[in-house]
Protein backbone atom coordinates (compact mmCIF):
# COMPACT_ATOMS: atom_id res chain seq x y z
CA MET A 1 -23.94 21.56 9.22
CA ILE A 2 -25.67 24.59 7.68
CA PHE A 3 -29.18 23.24 8.36
CA TYR A 4 -28.56 22.52 12.04
CA GLY A 5 -26.50 25.68 12.44
CA ILE A 6 -29.36 27.88 11.25
CA SER A 7 -32.30 26.02 12.81
CA LEU A 8 -30.74 25.36 16.25
CA THR A 9 -29.35 28.90 16.54
CA ILE A 10 -32.78 30.38 15.81
CA ILE A 11 -34.50 27.98 18.24
CA GLY A 12 -31.90 28.59 20.94
CA GLY A 13 -32.00 32.34 20.43
CA ALA A 14 -35.79 32.45 20.57
CA LEU A 15 -35.91 30.37 23.77
CA ASN A 16 -33.19 32.58 25.27
CA HIS A 17 -35.27 35.64 24.38
CA ASP A 18 -32.53 37.03 22.14
CA HIS A 19 -33.35 39.67 19.60
CA ILE A 20 -33.29 37.33 16.60
CA LEU A 21 -34.28 39.97 14.05
CA ASN A 22 -31.13 42.07 14.14
CA THR A 23 -27.71 42.14 12.51
CA GLU A 24 -25.86 40.80 15.55
CA PHE A 25 -27.99 37.66 15.68
CA ALA A 26 -27.69 37.21 11.90
CA ILE A 27 -23.90 37.17 12.32
CA LYS A 28 -24.30 34.59 15.09
CA ILE A 29 -26.34 32.39 12.73
CA ILE A 30 -23.63 32.58 10.06
CA GLU A 31 -20.90 31.73 12.57
CA ASN A 32 -22.77 28.69 13.89
CA SER A 33 -23.57 27.51 10.38
CA PHE A 34 -20.11 27.63 8.83
CA SER A 35 -17.63 27.55 11.71
CA GLN A 36 -17.71 23.94 12.92
CA TRP A 37 -13.98 23.23 12.81
CA PHE A 38 -14.26 19.43 12.64
CA VAL A 39 -16.64 19.45 9.69
CA VAL A 40 -14.58 21.99 7.75
CA ILE A 41 -11.21 20.32 8.34
CA TYR A 42 -12.66 16.87 7.61
CA GLY A 43 -13.99 18.23 4.33
CA VAL A 44 -10.58 19.67 3.46
CA LEU A 45 -9.00 16.28 4.21
CA TYR A 46 -11.45 14.61 1.81
CA LEU A 47 -10.45 17.04 -0.92
CA LEU A 48 -6.77 16.19 -0.36
CA ILE A 49 -7.11 12.40 -0.02
CA SER A 50 -6.66 11.60 -3.73
CA PHE A 51 -3.39 13.56 -3.84
CA ILE A 52 -2.19 12.08 -0.54
CA ASN A 53 -2.89 8.55 -1.74
CA TYR A 54 -0.97 9.21 -4.94
CA LEU A 55 2.03 10.22 -2.83
CA LEU A 56 1.69 7.26 -0.45
CA LEU A 57 1.67 4.75 -3.30
CA GLU A 58 5.11 6.04 -4.29
CA LEU A 59 6.61 5.64 -0.82
CA SER A 60 8.31 2.55 0.51
CA LYS A 61 7.60 1.31 4.02
CA ARG A 62 10.83 2.88 5.27
CA GLU A 63 10.06 6.21 3.63
CA LEU A 64 6.57 6.24 5.09
CA GLN A 65 7.99 5.50 8.54
CA MET A 66 10.39 8.44 8.21
CA LEU A 67 7.59 10.72 7.02
CA ILE A 68 5.45 9.82 10.05
CA ILE A 69 8.38 10.20 12.48
CA ILE A 70 9.29 13.65 11.10
CA ASN A 71 5.70 14.82 11.39
CA LEU A 72 5.29 13.45 14.92
CA LEU A 73 8.55 15.08 15.99
CA PHE A 74 7.75 18.59 14.78
CA PHE A 75 3.95 18.69 15.02
CA ASN A 76 3.26 16.51 18.08
CA ILE A 77 6.32 16.04 20.30
CA TRP A 78 7.71 19.56 19.86
CA PRO A 79 4.49 21.47 20.71
CA THR A 80 3.83 19.09 23.62
CA PHE A 81 7.04 19.85 25.51
CA PHE A 82 8.28 23.18 24.20
CA THR A 83 6.45 25.98 22.40
CA ASN A 84 3.85 26.18 19.67
CA VAL A 85 6.31 27.48 17.10
CA THR A 86 5.76 24.63 14.63
CA VAL A 87 1.96 24.62 14.94
CA LYS A 88 -0.40 26.81 16.95
CA ASP A 89 -3.78 25.20 16.36
CA GLY A 90 -3.65 22.70 19.22
CA GLY A 91 -4.22 19.83 16.81
CA TYR A 92 -7.52 21.19 15.53
CA GLY A 93 -6.13 21.93 12.06
CA ILE A 94 -5.41 20.04 8.86
CA ILE A 95 -1.85 19.10 9.87
CA ASN A 96 -2.95 16.81 12.69
CA PHE A 97 -5.64 15.28 10.49
CA LEU A 98 -3.03 14.51 7.83
CA ILE A 99 -0.77 12.87 10.41
CA LEU A 100 -3.67 10.72 11.64
CA TYR A 101 -4.41 9.73 8.05
CA LEU A 102 -0.77 8.72 7.50
CA ILE A 103 -0.79 6.62 10.66
CA GLY A 104 -4.10 5.02 9.72
CA TYR A 105 -2.72 4.19 6.28
CA TYR A 106 0.38 2.64 7.81
CA ILE A 107 -1.69 0.53 10.21
CA ARG A 108 -3.89 -0.71 7.38
CA ILE A 109 -1.04 -1.64 5.03
CA TYR A 110 1.79 -2.74 7.31
CA ASN A 111 0.38 -3.69 10.71
CA ASN A 112 0.43 -7.49 10.61
CA VAL A 113 1.47 -8.10 14.22
CA ASN A 114 -1.05 -9.77 16.49
CA VAL A 115 -1.13 -7.95 19.81
CA LYS A 116 -3.40 -8.88 22.70
CA GLU A 117 -6.18 -6.37 23.33
CA TRP A 118 -5.18 -5.93 26.96
CA LYS A 119 -1.83 -4.48 25.89
CA TYR A 120 -3.59 -1.73 23.93
CA VAL A 121 -5.82 -1.13 26.93
CA LEU A 122 -2.73 -0.84 29.14
CA VAL A 123 -1.12 1.67 26.75
CA TYR A 124 -4.32 3.70 26.67
CA VAL A 125 -4.63 3.78 30.47
CA VAL A 126 -0.94 4.61 31.02
CA PHE A 127 -0.85 7.49 28.57
CA THR A 128 -4.21 8.82 29.72
CA VAL A 129 -2.81 8.98 33.25
CA ILE A 130 0.34 10.66 31.90
CA THR A 131 -1.83 13.20 30.08
CA PHE A 132 -3.69 13.99 33.28
CA GLY A 133 -0.45 14.36 35.23
CA PHE A 134 1.08 16.55 32.53
CA SER A 135 -2.04 18.74 32.56
CA LEU A 136 -1.18 19.81 36.11
CA PHE A 137 1.75 21.74 34.66
CA THR A 138 0.47 22.95 31.30
CA GLU A 139 -2.83 23.28 29.44
CA ARG A 140 -1.10 21.98 26.30
CA ALA A 141 -1.49 18.47 27.70
CA TRP A 142 -5.11 18.37 26.49
CA ASN A 143 -4.32 19.58 22.97
CA TYR A 144 -5.26 17.16 20.21
CA ASN A 145 -1.70 17.26 18.90
CA SER A 146 -0.15 16.32 22.26
CA ILE A 147 2.00 13.24 21.75
CA PHE A 148 0.37 11.64 24.80
CA VAL A 149 -3.12 12.23 23.41
CA MET A 150 -1.95 10.93 20.04
CA ILE A 151 -0.64 7.68 21.52
CA SER A 152 -3.81 7.23 23.59
CA SER A 153 -5.99 7.75 20.53
CA ILE A 154 -4.00 5.22 18.49
CA ALA A 155 -4.26 2.71 21.33
CA ILE A 156 -8.03 3.04 21.65
CA PHE A 157 -8.34 2.83 17.85
CA MET A 158 -6.39 -0.45 17.93
CA ILE A 159 -8.62 -1.75 20.72
CA PHE A 160 -11.72 -1.35 18.58
CA LYS A 161 -9.90 -2.55 15.48
CA SER A 162 -9.10 -5.82 17.24
CA ILE A 163 -12.72 -6.38 18.28
CA SER A 164 -14.77 -8.48 15.89
CA ILE A 165 -18.35 -7.19 15.85
CA PRO A 166 -20.87 -8.89 13.53
CA HIS A 167 -23.07 -6.79 11.27
CA SER A 168 -25.79 -5.13 13.28
CA LYS A 169 -28.65 -3.06 11.89
CA LEU A 170 -29.17 -1.54 15.34
CA ILE A 171 -25.56 -0.36 15.63
CA ASN A 172 -25.62 1.10 12.13
CA LYS A 173 -28.93 2.83 12.85
CA VAL A 174 -27.63 4.41 16.06
CA ALA A 175 -24.35 5.35 14.35
CA SER A 176 -26.25 7.27 11.69
CA TYR A 177 -27.33 9.79 14.35
CA THR A 178 -23.87 10.52 15.80
CA PHE A 179 -23.07 13.36 13.40
CA MET A 180 -26.40 15.02 14.21
CA VAL A 181 -25.68 14.70 17.95
CA TYR A 182 -22.29 16.35 17.42
CA LEU A 183 -23.83 19.31 15.55
CA ILE A 184 -26.40 19.76 18.32
CA ASP A 185 -23.74 19.61 21.02
CA VAL A 186 -21.51 22.28 19.48
CA ASN A 187 -24.29 24.80 18.88
CA LEU A 188 -23.79 27.27 21.74
CA PRO A 189 -27.11 29.21 21.59
CA PHE A 190 -29.06 25.95 21.67
CA ASN A 191 -26.85 24.53 24.43
CA LEU A 192 -27.60 27.50 26.66
CA VAL A 193 -31.16 26.20 26.71
CA LEU A 194 -30.39 22.48 26.66
CA TYR A 195 -27.72 22.38 29.38
CA ARG A 196 -28.38 25.36 31.61
CA ARG A 197 -32.13 25.79 31.52
CA LEU A 198 -33.41 22.29 30.82
CA TRP A 199 -30.80 20.26 32.72
CA GLU A 200 -29.70 23.08 35.06
CA CYS A 201 -26.06 22.23 34.42
CA LYS A 202 -23.56 24.61 36.04
CA ILE A 203 -20.19 22.94 35.49
CA PHE A 204 -20.37 21.28 32.07
CA CYS A 205 -21.27 24.47 30.23
CA VAL A 206 -19.15 26.89 32.24
CA ASN A 207 -17.69 28.38 29.04
CA PHE A 208 -21.05 29.05 27.37
């Protein structure tokens, strides 16, 4: 994260003819090197996993179900339909990551029901359409902690979980580059060059 943050910001700034040898640009370098929310929150989750697992081992199936339901109610359903009183990060914070971890743990330990893949596909399509319709009334529909987005993400996770893919060196090789692609994509100074100047994109990078 730090390597790509520094190198891509300098490259993007130089190609954009920014004044890279001043305090303002130095601050921009620091921001792009340490402010990637996904990387930071994922790292925090890793630091907490040992403690979370210790707690989960003490919970019965029923207790875990209640824990997940309580979290979904106050941190996903509530902010989807009402206000952001319970959480104001739109699902980009540690709370939503913890909920996803709890759900993933539950699926791994207790999900023994065989469901046809097409049913997961149907759930994903239905709730994606609902998300789009709900977005016509509020921008909260696209938040990561929206209950509709949550259900869609679980459905698509289950789709891939049900697919049996043999070991592939090619897939693993391509997968090893995905994190690098993400870090390139979220670097705004570099994207000003990549999307607007190189690809002449006007819509995709409207916020840059």
